[in-house]
Amino acid sequence: MTIQRILVPVDYSEPSTKALSLALEIAERLNAEIEVVHAWDKPAYITENVMSHRSEHTAPALLDQIGQTAETDLAEFLSTIPVPQKLSLTHRLLSGEPGTQILRALREGNYDLVVMGTHGRSGLSHLLLGSVTERIVRLSSVPVLTVPRTR
């Protein structure tokens, strides 16, 4: 099995930080490319037409503001991760339900491996919150390496 492209979905948590660090180690050893993605979903109560207003000027749509904040958050997250100079690391935002968007990116991106963190929830919290990682593991067409949180 040749690993040339690695997808690393992140949610800025400790497990996703560990997953990205591990993916960087793997990529460095195998001379692979990494793409980091963050999927954000708009709150259910916000529609495409929701606007916000500041004084007498109309501000950008609230969704645009959320998207700009997501861009900033991703850039700040990545700035905390030491990336070896010889590695090719790209990043992008995905908009929509995270599991669906990650699976779409996986289908369209010709990846060989997914490396992602898992929060290790169980019981009621798992039932209520679900698990994006579990969904990716079940539906991915390529191997998924999961990295648990530190206990």
N, C-alpha and C. Protein backbone atom coordinates (compact mmCIF):
# COMPACT_ATOMS: atom_id res chain seq x y z
N MET A 1 0.83 -1.18 0.00
CA MET A 1 0.00 0.00 0.00
C MET A 1 0.88 1.24 0.00
N THR A 2 0.64 2.11 -0.96
CA THR A 2 1.39 3.36 -1.06
C THR A 2 0.56 4.49 -0.48
N ILE A 3 1.16 5.27 0.38
CA ILE A 3 0.45 6.42 0.96
C ILE A 3 1.11 7.68 0.42
N GLN A 4 0.37 8.38 -0.43
CA GLN A 4 0.87 9.62 -1.02
C GLN A 4 0.09 10.85 -0.57
N ARG A 5 -1.21 10.65 -0.23
CA ARG A 5 -2.06 11.77 0.20
C ARG A 5 -2.82 11.38 1.46
N ILE A 6 -2.71 12.25 2.46
CA ILE A 6 -3.35 12.00 3.76
C ILE A 6 -4.34 13.12 4.04
N LEU A 7 -5.56 12.73 4.42
CA LEU A 7 -6.58 13.68 4.82
C LEU A 7 -6.63 13.73 6.34
N VAL A 8 -6.58 14.94 6.89
CA VAL A 8 -6.63 15.11 8.35
C VAL A 8 -7.75 16.08 8.71
N PRO A 9 -8.93 15.55 9.07
CA PRO A 9 -10.00 16.43 9.54
C PRO A 9 -9.70 16.88 10.97
N VAL A 10 -9.89 18.16 11.26
CA VAL A 10 -9.61 18.68 12.61
C VAL A 10 -10.81 19.45 13.14
N ASP A 11 -10.93 19.42 14.47
CA ASP A 11 -11.94 20.23 15.15
C ASP A 11 -11.31 21.10 16.23
N TYR A 12 -9.98 21.23 16.18
CA TYR A 12 -9.18 22.06 17.09
C TYR A 12 -9.06 21.48 18.49
N SER A 13 -9.51 20.26 18.70
CA SER A 13 -9.44 19.62 20.00
C SER A 13 -8.05 19.00 20.20
N GLU A 14 -7.81 18.53 21.41
CA GLU A 14 -6.56 17.85 21.72
C GLU A 14 -6.39 16.59 20.86
N PRO A 15 -7.44 15.76 20.68
CA PRO A 15 -7.25 14.60 19.81
C PRO A 15 -6.92 14.97 18.36
N SER A 16 -7.52 16.04 17.83
CA SER A 16 -7.20 16.39 16.44
C SER A 16 -5.81 16.99 16.34
N THR A 17 -5.34 17.66 17.38
CA THR A 17 -3.96 18.15 17.38
C THR A 17 -2.98 16.97 17.37
N LYS A 18 -3.27 15.96 18.19
CA LYS A 18 -2.44 14.75 18.21
C LYS A 18 -2.49 14.03 16.86
N ALA A 19 -3.68 13.98 16.25
CA ALA A 19 -3.83 13.31 14.95
C ALA A 19 -3.00 14.02 13.89
N LEU A 20 -3.04 15.34 13.88
CA LEU A 20 -2.26 16.09 12.89
C LEU A 20 -0.77 15.87 13.11
N SER A 21 -0.33 15.88 14.34
CA SER A 21 1.09 15.64 14.62
C SER A 21 1.52 14.26 14.14
N LEU A 22 0.69 13.25 14.38
CA LEU A 22 1.00 11.90 13.91
C LEU A 22 1.00 11.84 12.38
N ALA A 23 0.03 12.48 11.76
CA ALA A 23 -0.02 12.52 10.29
C ALA A 23 1.23 13.18 9.72
N LEU A 24 1.71 14.21 10.37
CA LEU A 24 2.94 14.87 9.91
C LEU A 24 4.13 13.93 10.00
N GLU A 25 4.20 13.15 11.08
CA GLU A 25 5.29 12.17 11.20
C GLU A 25 5.21 11.13 10.09
N ILE A 26 4.02 10.62 9.83
CA ILE A 26 3.83 9.62 8.78
C ILE A 26 4.20 10.22 7.42
N ALA A 27 3.70 11.41 7.16
CA ALA A 27 3.96 12.07 5.87
C ALA A 27 5.44 12.33 5.67
N GLU A 28 6.11 12.71 6.73
CA GLU A 28 7.55 12.98 6.62
C GLU A 28 8.31 11.71 6.26
N ARG A 29 7.95 10.59 6.88
CA ARG A 29 8.63 9.33 6.60
C ARG A 29 8.33 8.79 5.20
N LEU A 30 7.11 9.06 4.71
CA LEU A 30 6.68 8.49 3.43
C LEU A 30 6.70 9.51 2.30
N ASN A 31 7.12 10.73 2.61
CA ASN A 31 7.13 11.81 1.62
C ASN A 31 5.73 12.00 1.01
N ALA A 32 4.73 12.03 1.88
CA ALA A 32 3.34 12.16 1.45
C ALA A 32 2.86 13.60 1.63
N GLU A 33 1.77 13.93 0.97
CA GLU A 33 1.12 15.23 1.10
C GLU A 33 0.02 15.13 2.15
N ILE A 34 -0.22 16.25 2.83
CA ILE A 34 -1.30 16.30 3.83
C ILE A 34 -2.25 17.41 3.46
N GLU A 35 -3.54 17.10 3.57
CA GLU A 35 -4.54 18.16 3.48
C GLU A 35 -5.33 18.16 4.78
N VAL A 36 -5.36 19.31 5.44
CA VAL A 36 -6.11 19.49 6.68
C VAL A 36 -7.43 20.14 6.32
N VAL A 37 -8.52 19.56 6.84
CA VAL A 37 -9.83 20.14 6.61
C VAL A 37 -10.53 20.36 7.94
N HIS A 38 -11.32 21.41 7.96
CA HIS A 38 -12.20 21.66 9.10
C HIS A 38 -13.60 21.87 8.54
N ALA A 39 -14.55 21.09 9.03
CA ALA A 39 -15.92 21.22 8.57
C ALA A 39 -16.73 21.98 9.62
N TRP A 40 -17.40 23.02 9.18
CA TRP A 40 -18.27 23.77 10.09
C TRP A 40 -19.68 23.79 9.51
N ASP A 41 -20.62 23.71 10.38
CA ASP A 41 -22.02 23.70 9.96
C ASP A 41 -22.71 24.89 10.57
N LYS A 42 -23.53 25.56 9.78
CA LYS A 42 -24.25 26.72 10.29
C LYS A 42 -25.29 26.25 11.30
N PRO A 43 -25.56 27.08 12.31
CA PRO A 43 -26.63 26.73 13.24
C PRO A 43 -27.95 26.58 12.49
N ALA A 44 -28.79 25.68 12.96
CA ALA A 44 -30.05 25.37 12.27
C ALA A 44 -30.96 26.59 12.12
N TYR A 45 -30.86 27.54 13.03
CA TYR A 45 -31.76 28.69 12.99
C TYR A 45 -31.28 29.80 12.05
N ILE A 46 -30.13 29.64 11.43
CA ILE A 46 -29.62 30.66 10.52
C ILE A 46 -29.87 30.23 9.08
N THR A 47 -30.54 31.07 8.34
CA THR A 47 -30.79 30.79 6.92
C THR A 47 -29.83 31.62 6.08
N GLU A 48 -29.81 31.36 4.79
CA GLU A 48 -28.94 32.10 3.88
C GLU A 48 -29.24 33.59 3.87
N ASN A 49 -30.46 33.98 4.22
CA ASN A 49 -30.87 35.38 4.12
C ASN A 49 -30.66 36.20 5.39
N VAL A 50 -30.19 35.55 6.45
CA VAL A 50 -30.00 36.28 7.70
C VAL A 50 -28.88 37.30 7.51
N MET A 51 -29.16 38.54 7.88
CA MET A 51 -28.18 39.62 7.78
C MET A 51 -27.99 40.21 9.17
N SER A 52 -26.87 40.84 9.37
CA SER A 52 -26.66 41.59 10.60
C SER A 52 -26.41 43.04 10.20
N HIS A 53 -26.72 43.94 11.10
CA HIS A 53 -26.58 45.36 10.80
C HIS A 53 -25.71 46.03 11.85
N ARG A 54 -24.84 46.90 11.39
CA ARG A 54 -24.03 47.72 12.27
C ARG A 54 -24.31 49.16 11.88
N SER A 55 -24.72 49.93 12.83
CA SER A 55 -25.10 51.34 12.63
C SER A 55 -25.97 51.47 11.39
N GLU A 56 -25.66 52.42 10.51
CA GLU A 56 -26.49 52.61 9.33
C GLU A 56 -26.03 51.79 8.13
N HIS A 57 -24.94 51.05 8.27
CA HIS A 57 -24.41 50.27 7.15
C HIS A 57 -24.78 48.79 7.30
N THR A 58 -25.11 48.19 6.20
CA THR A 58 -25.40 46.76 6.22
C THR A 58 -24.08 45.99 6.23
N ALA A 59 -23.95 45.10 7.17
CA ALA A 59 -22.75 44.27 7.29
C ALA A 59 -22.91 43.06 6.37
N PRO A 60 -21.83 42.32 6.18
CA PRO A 60 -21.95 41.09 5.40
C PRO A 60 -22.96 40.14 6.04
N ALA A 61 -23.47 39.22 5.25
CA ALA A 61 -24.39 38.22 5.78
C ALA A 61 -23.73 37.50 6.95
N LEU A 62 -24.53 37.11 7.91
CA LEU A 62 -24.02 36.44 9.10
C LEU A 62 -23.24 35.18 8.72
N LEU A 63 -23.71 34.43 7.73
CA LEU A 63 -22.99 33.24 7.29
C LEU A 63 -21.60 33.59 6.76
N ASP A 64 -21.48 34.73 6.07
CA ASP A 64 -20.16 35.16 5.60
C ASP A 64 -19.25 35.46 6.78
N GLN A 65 -19.80 36.09 7.81
CA GLN A 65 -19.01 36.40 9.00
C GLN A 65 -18.56 35.12 9.71
N ILE A 66 -19.46 34.14 9.78
CA ILE A 66 -19.10 32.86 10.40
C ILE A 66 -17.99 32.19 9.59
N GLY A 67 -18.11 32.24 8.26
CA GLY A 67 -17.08 31.65 7.40
C GLY A 67 -15.73 32.33 7.57
N GLN A 68 -15.73 33.65 7.70
CA GLN A 68 -14.48 34.38 7.91
C GLN A 68 -13.85 34.01 9.25
N THR A 69 -14.69 33.86 10.27
CA THR A 69 -14.19 33.45 11.58
C THR A 69 -13.61 32.04 11.51
N ALA A 70 -14.27 31.17 10.78
CA ALA A 70 -13.77 29.79 10.62
C ALA A 70 -12.41 29.79 9.93
N GLU A 71 -12.23 30.64 8.92
CA GLU A 71 -10.92 30.76 8.24
C GLU A 71 -9.85 31.19 9.23
N THR A 72 -10.16 32.20 10.03
CA THR A 72 -9.21 32.70 11.03
C THR A 72 -8.87 31.62 12.05
N ASP A 73 -9.90 30.92 12.53
CA ASP A 73 -9.67 29.86 13.52
C ASP A 73 -8.77 28.76 12.97
N LEU A 74 -8.99 28.36 11.71
CA LEU A 74 -8.16 27.32 11.11
C LEU A 74 -6.72 27.79 10.97
N ALA A 75 -6.53 29.01 10.51
CA ALA A 75 -5.17 29.55 10.37
C ALA A 75 -4.47 29.63 11.72
N GLU A 76 -5.18 30.05 12.76
CA GLU A 76 -4.59 30.13 14.10
C GLU A 76 -4.23 28.74 14.62
N PHE A 77 -5.11 27.76 14.40
CA PHE A 77 -4.84 26.39 14.82
C PHE A 77 -3.57 25.87 14.15
N LEU A 78 -3.50 26.05 12.83
CA LEU A 78 -2.34 25.54 12.09
C LEU A 78 -1.05 26.25 12.47
N SER A 79 -1.14 27.49 12.90
CA SER A 79 0.07 28.23 13.28
C SER A 79 0.71 27.67 14.55
N THR A 80 -0.03 26.87 15.31
CA THR A 80 0.50 26.28 16.54
C THR A 80 1.18 24.93 16.30
N ILE A 81 1.08 24.42 15.08
CA ILE A 81 1.60 23.09 14.76
C ILE A 81 2.90 23.22 13.97
N PRO A 82 4.01 22.68 14.49
CA PRO A 82 5.26 22.74 13.73
C PRO A 82 5.21 21.78 12.53
N VAL A 83 5.37 22.34 11.34
CA VAL A 83 5.32 21.56 10.10
C VAL A 83 6.72 21.50 9.50
N PRO A 84 7.26 20.31 9.30
CA PRO A 84 8.57 20.21 8.65
C PRO A 84 8.55 20.91 7.28
N GLN A 85 9.62 21.62 6.97
CA GLN A 85 9.67 22.44 5.75
C GLN A 85 9.49 21.64 4.48
N LYS A 86 9.96 20.42 4.45
CA LYS A 86 9.91 19.66 3.20
C LYS A 86 8.53 19.07 2.91
N LEU A 87 7.60 19.19 3.87
CA LEU A 87 6.27 18.61 3.67
C LEU A 87 5.34 19.55 2.93
N SER A 88 4.46 18.95 2.15
CA SER A 88 3.41 19.69 1.47
C SER A 88 2.14 19.59 2.30
N LEU A 89 1.72 20.71 2.91
CA LEU A 89 0.52 20.73 3.72
C LEU A 89 -0.40 21.82 3.17
N THR A 90 -1.62 21.42 2.82
CA THR A 90 -2.62 22.38 2.39
C THR A 90 -3.78 22.29 3.37
N HIS A 91 -4.64 23.28 3.34
CA HIS A 91 -5.79 23.27 4.22
C HIS A 91 -6.98 23.97 3.55
N ARG A 92 -8.17 23.59 4.00
CA ARG A 92 -9.37 24.23 3.50
C ARG A 92 -10.52 23.98 4.45
N LEU A 93 -11.51 24.84 4.33
CA LEU A 93 -12.73 24.72 5.11
C LEU A 93 -13.78 23.97 4.29
N LEU A 94 -14.59 23.22 5.00
CA LEU A 94 -15.74 22.56 4.39
C LEU A 94 -16.97 23.10 5.11
N SER A 95 -18.01 23.39 4.38
CA SER A 95 -19.21 23.95 4.97
C SER A 95 -20.35 22.95 4.87
N GLY A 96 -20.91 22.59 6.01
CA GLY A 96 -22.02 21.64 6.05
C GLY A 96 -21.82 20.65 7.18
N GLU A 97 -22.69 19.68 7.25
CA GLU A 97 -22.60 18.67 8.31
C GLU A 97 -21.24 17.98 8.20
N PRO A 98 -20.45 17.98 9.29
CA PRO A 98 -19.07 17.50 9.21
C PRO A 98 -18.87 16.11 8.63
N GLY A 99 -19.62 15.12 9.08
CA GLY A 99 -19.43 13.76 8.56
C GLY A 99 -19.67 13.68 7.06
N THR A 100 -20.73 14.30 6.61
CA THR A 100 -21.07 14.30 5.19
C THR A 100 -20.00 15.01 4.37
N GLN A 101 -19.54 16.15 4.86
CA GLN A 101 -18.55 16.93 4.11
C GLN A 101 -17.19 16.24 4.08
N ILE A 102 -16.80 15.60 5.17
CA ILE A 102 -15.53 14.88 5.20
C ILE A 102 -15.57 13.70 4.24
N LEU A 103 -16.68 12.97 4.24
CA LEU A 103 -16.82 11.85 3.30
C LEU A 103 -16.81 12.32 1.85
N ARG A 104 -17.42 13.46 1.57
CA ARG A 104 -17.40 14.02 0.22
C ARG A 104 -15.95 14.39 -0.17
N ALA A 105 -15.25 15.04 0.73
CA ALA A 105 -13.85 15.40 0.45
C ALA A 105 -13.02 14.16 0.21
N LEU A 106 -13.28 13.12 0.97
CA LEU A 106 -12.55 11.86 0.83
C LEU A 106 -12.79 11.23 -0.53
N ARG A 107 -14.04 11.24 -0.98
CA ARG A 107 -14.37 10.68 -2.31
C ARG A 107 -13.72 11.48 -3.43
N GLU A 108 -13.68 12.80 -3.28
CA GLU A 108 -13.22 13.67 -4.37
C GLU A 108 -11.70 13.90 -4.36
N GLY A 109 -11.02 13.56 -3.27
CA GLY A 109 -9.63 13.98 -3.12
C GLY A 109 -8.56 12.97 -3.41
N ASN A 110 -8.90 11.74 -3.76
CA ASN A 110 -7.90 10.74 -4.08
C ASN A 110 -6.90 10.55 -2.93
N TYR A 111 -7.42 10.37 -1.72
CA TYR A 111 -6.58 10.18 -0.54
C TYR A 111 -6.29 8.70 -0.35
N ASP A 112 -5.19 8.42 0.34
CA ASP A 112 -4.79 7.05 0.63
C ASP A 112 -5.00 6.68 2.10
N LEU A 113 -5.16 7.71 2.95
CA LEU A 113 -5.27 7.50 4.39
C LEU A 113 -5.98 8.69 5.00
N VAL A 114 -6.77 8.42 6.04
CA VAL A 114 -7.38 9.46 6.87
C VAL A 114 -6.79 9.30 8.27
N VAL A 115 -6.36 10.40 8.86
CA VAL A 115 -5.89 10.38 10.24
C VAL A 115 -6.73 11.40 10.99
N MET A 116 -7.45 10.93 12.02
CA MET A 116 -8.31 11.86 12.74
C MET A 116 -8.44 11.49 14.20
N GLY A 117 -8.69 12.48 15.01
CA GLY A 117 -8.84 12.28 16.44
C GLY A 117 -10.22 11.77 16.79
N THR A 118 -10.31 11.15 17.95
CA THR A 118 -11.59 10.71 18.47
C THR A 118 -11.68 11.12 19.94
N HIS A 119 -12.85 11.56 20.33
CA HIS A 119 -13.04 12.02 21.71
C HIS A 119 -13.32 10.88 22.67
N GLY A 120 -13.67 9.72 22.14
CA GLY A 120 -13.89 8.56 22.99
C GLY A 120 -15.15 8.65 23.85
N ARG A 121 -16.15 9.35 23.36
CA ARG A 121 -17.40 9.44 24.12
C ARG A 121 -18.10 8.09 24.11
N SER A 122 -18.86 7.86 25.16
CA SER A 122 -19.66 6.63 25.22
C SER A 122 -20.97 6.96 25.92
N GLY A 123 -21.83 5.98 25.93
CA GLY A 123 -23.09 6.13 26.65
C GLY A 123 -23.97 7.22 26.07
N LEU A 124 -24.59 7.99 26.96
CA LEU A 124 -25.57 9.00 26.57
C LEU A 124 -24.95 10.10 25.73
N SER A 125 -23.74 10.55 26.08
CA SER A 125 -23.13 11.62 25.28
C SER A 125 -22.85 11.16 23.86
N HIS A 126 -22.47 9.89 23.70
CA HIS A 126 -22.26 9.36 22.34
C HIS A 126 -23.59 9.29 21.59
N LEU A 127 -24.62 8.85 22.28
CA LEU A 127 -25.94 8.75 21.66
C LEU A 127 -26.45 10.12 21.23
N LEU A 128 -26.29 11.13 22.07
CA LEU A 128 -26.80 12.47 21.77
C LEU A 128 -25.93 13.21 20.76
N LEU A 129 -24.62 13.10 20.89
CA LEU A 129 -23.71 13.86 20.04
C LEU A 129 -23.29 13.10 18.79
N GLY A 130 -23.40 11.78 18.81
CA GLY A 130 -22.95 10.99 17.67
C GLY A 130 -21.44 11.00 17.60
N SER A 131 -20.92 10.45 16.54
CA SER A 131 -19.48 10.42 16.38
C SER A 131 -19.14 10.56 14.90
N VAL A 132 -18.56 11.70 14.57
CA VAL A 132 -18.12 11.92 13.19
C VAL A 132 -17.05 10.89 12.85
N THR A 133 -16.11 10.67 13.76
CA THR A 133 -15.04 9.72 13.51
C THR A 133 -15.59 8.32 13.25
N GLU A 134 -16.54 7.90 14.07
CA GLU A 134 -17.13 6.56 13.89
C GLU A 134 -17.77 6.45 12.50
N ARG A 135 -18.45 7.49 12.07
CA ARG A 135 -19.09 7.48 10.75
C ARG A 135 -18.04 7.37 9.64
N ILE A 136 -16.94 8.10 9.78
CA ILE A 136 -15.88 8.06 8.77
C ILE A 136 -15.25 6.66 8.74
N VAL A 137 -15.00 6.09 9.91
CA VAL A 137 -14.42 4.74 9.97
C VAL A 137 -15.33 3.74 9.26
N ARG A 138 -16.63 3.84 9.49
CA ARG A 138 -17.57 2.89 8.88
C ARG A 138 -17.72 3.07 7.38
N LEU A 139 -17.66 4.32 6.89
CA LEU A 139 -18.00 4.58 5.49
C LEU A 139 -16.81 4.93 4.59
N SER A 140 -15.63 5.05 5.15
CA SER A 140 -14.46 5.42 4.36
C SER A 140 -14.05 4.30 3.40
N SER A 141 -13.61 4.70 2.23
CA SER A 141 -13.11 3.73 1.26
C SER A 141 -11.61 3.50 1.42
N VAL A 142 -10.97 4.24 2.31
CA VAL A 142 -9.53 4.08 2.57
C VAL A 142 -9.34 3.87 4.07
N PRO A 143 -8.17 3.37 4.49
CA PRO A 143 -7.93 3.17 5.92
C PRO A 143 -8.04 4.46 6.71
N VAL A 144 -8.54 4.32 7.94
CA VAL A 144 -8.67 5.46 8.85
C VAL A 144 -7.89 5.13 10.11
N LEU A 145 -6.96 5.99 10.45
CA LEU A 145 -6.19 5.86 11.67
C LEU A 145 -6.78 6.83 12.68
N THR A 146 -7.28 6.30 13.80
CA THR A 146 -7.89 7.17 14.81
C THR A 146 -6.92 7.38 15.96
N VAL A 147 -6.93 8.59 16.48
CA VAL A 147 -6.04 8.97 17.57
C VAL A 147 -6.92 9.41 18.75
N PRO A 148 -6.87 8.66 19.86
CA PRO A 148 -7.73 9.00 21.00
C PRO A 148 -7.18 10.17 21.81
N ARG A 149 -8.06 10.74 22.61
CA ARG A 149 -7.62 11.80 23.52
C ARG A 149 -6.81 11.16 24.65
N THR A 150 -5.97 11.96 25.27
CA THR A 150 -5.18 11.48 26.40
C THR A 150 -6.08 11.36 27.61
N ARG A 151 -5.95 10.28 28.30
CA ARG A 151 -6.79 10.06 29.49
C ARG A 151 -6.01 10.31 30.74
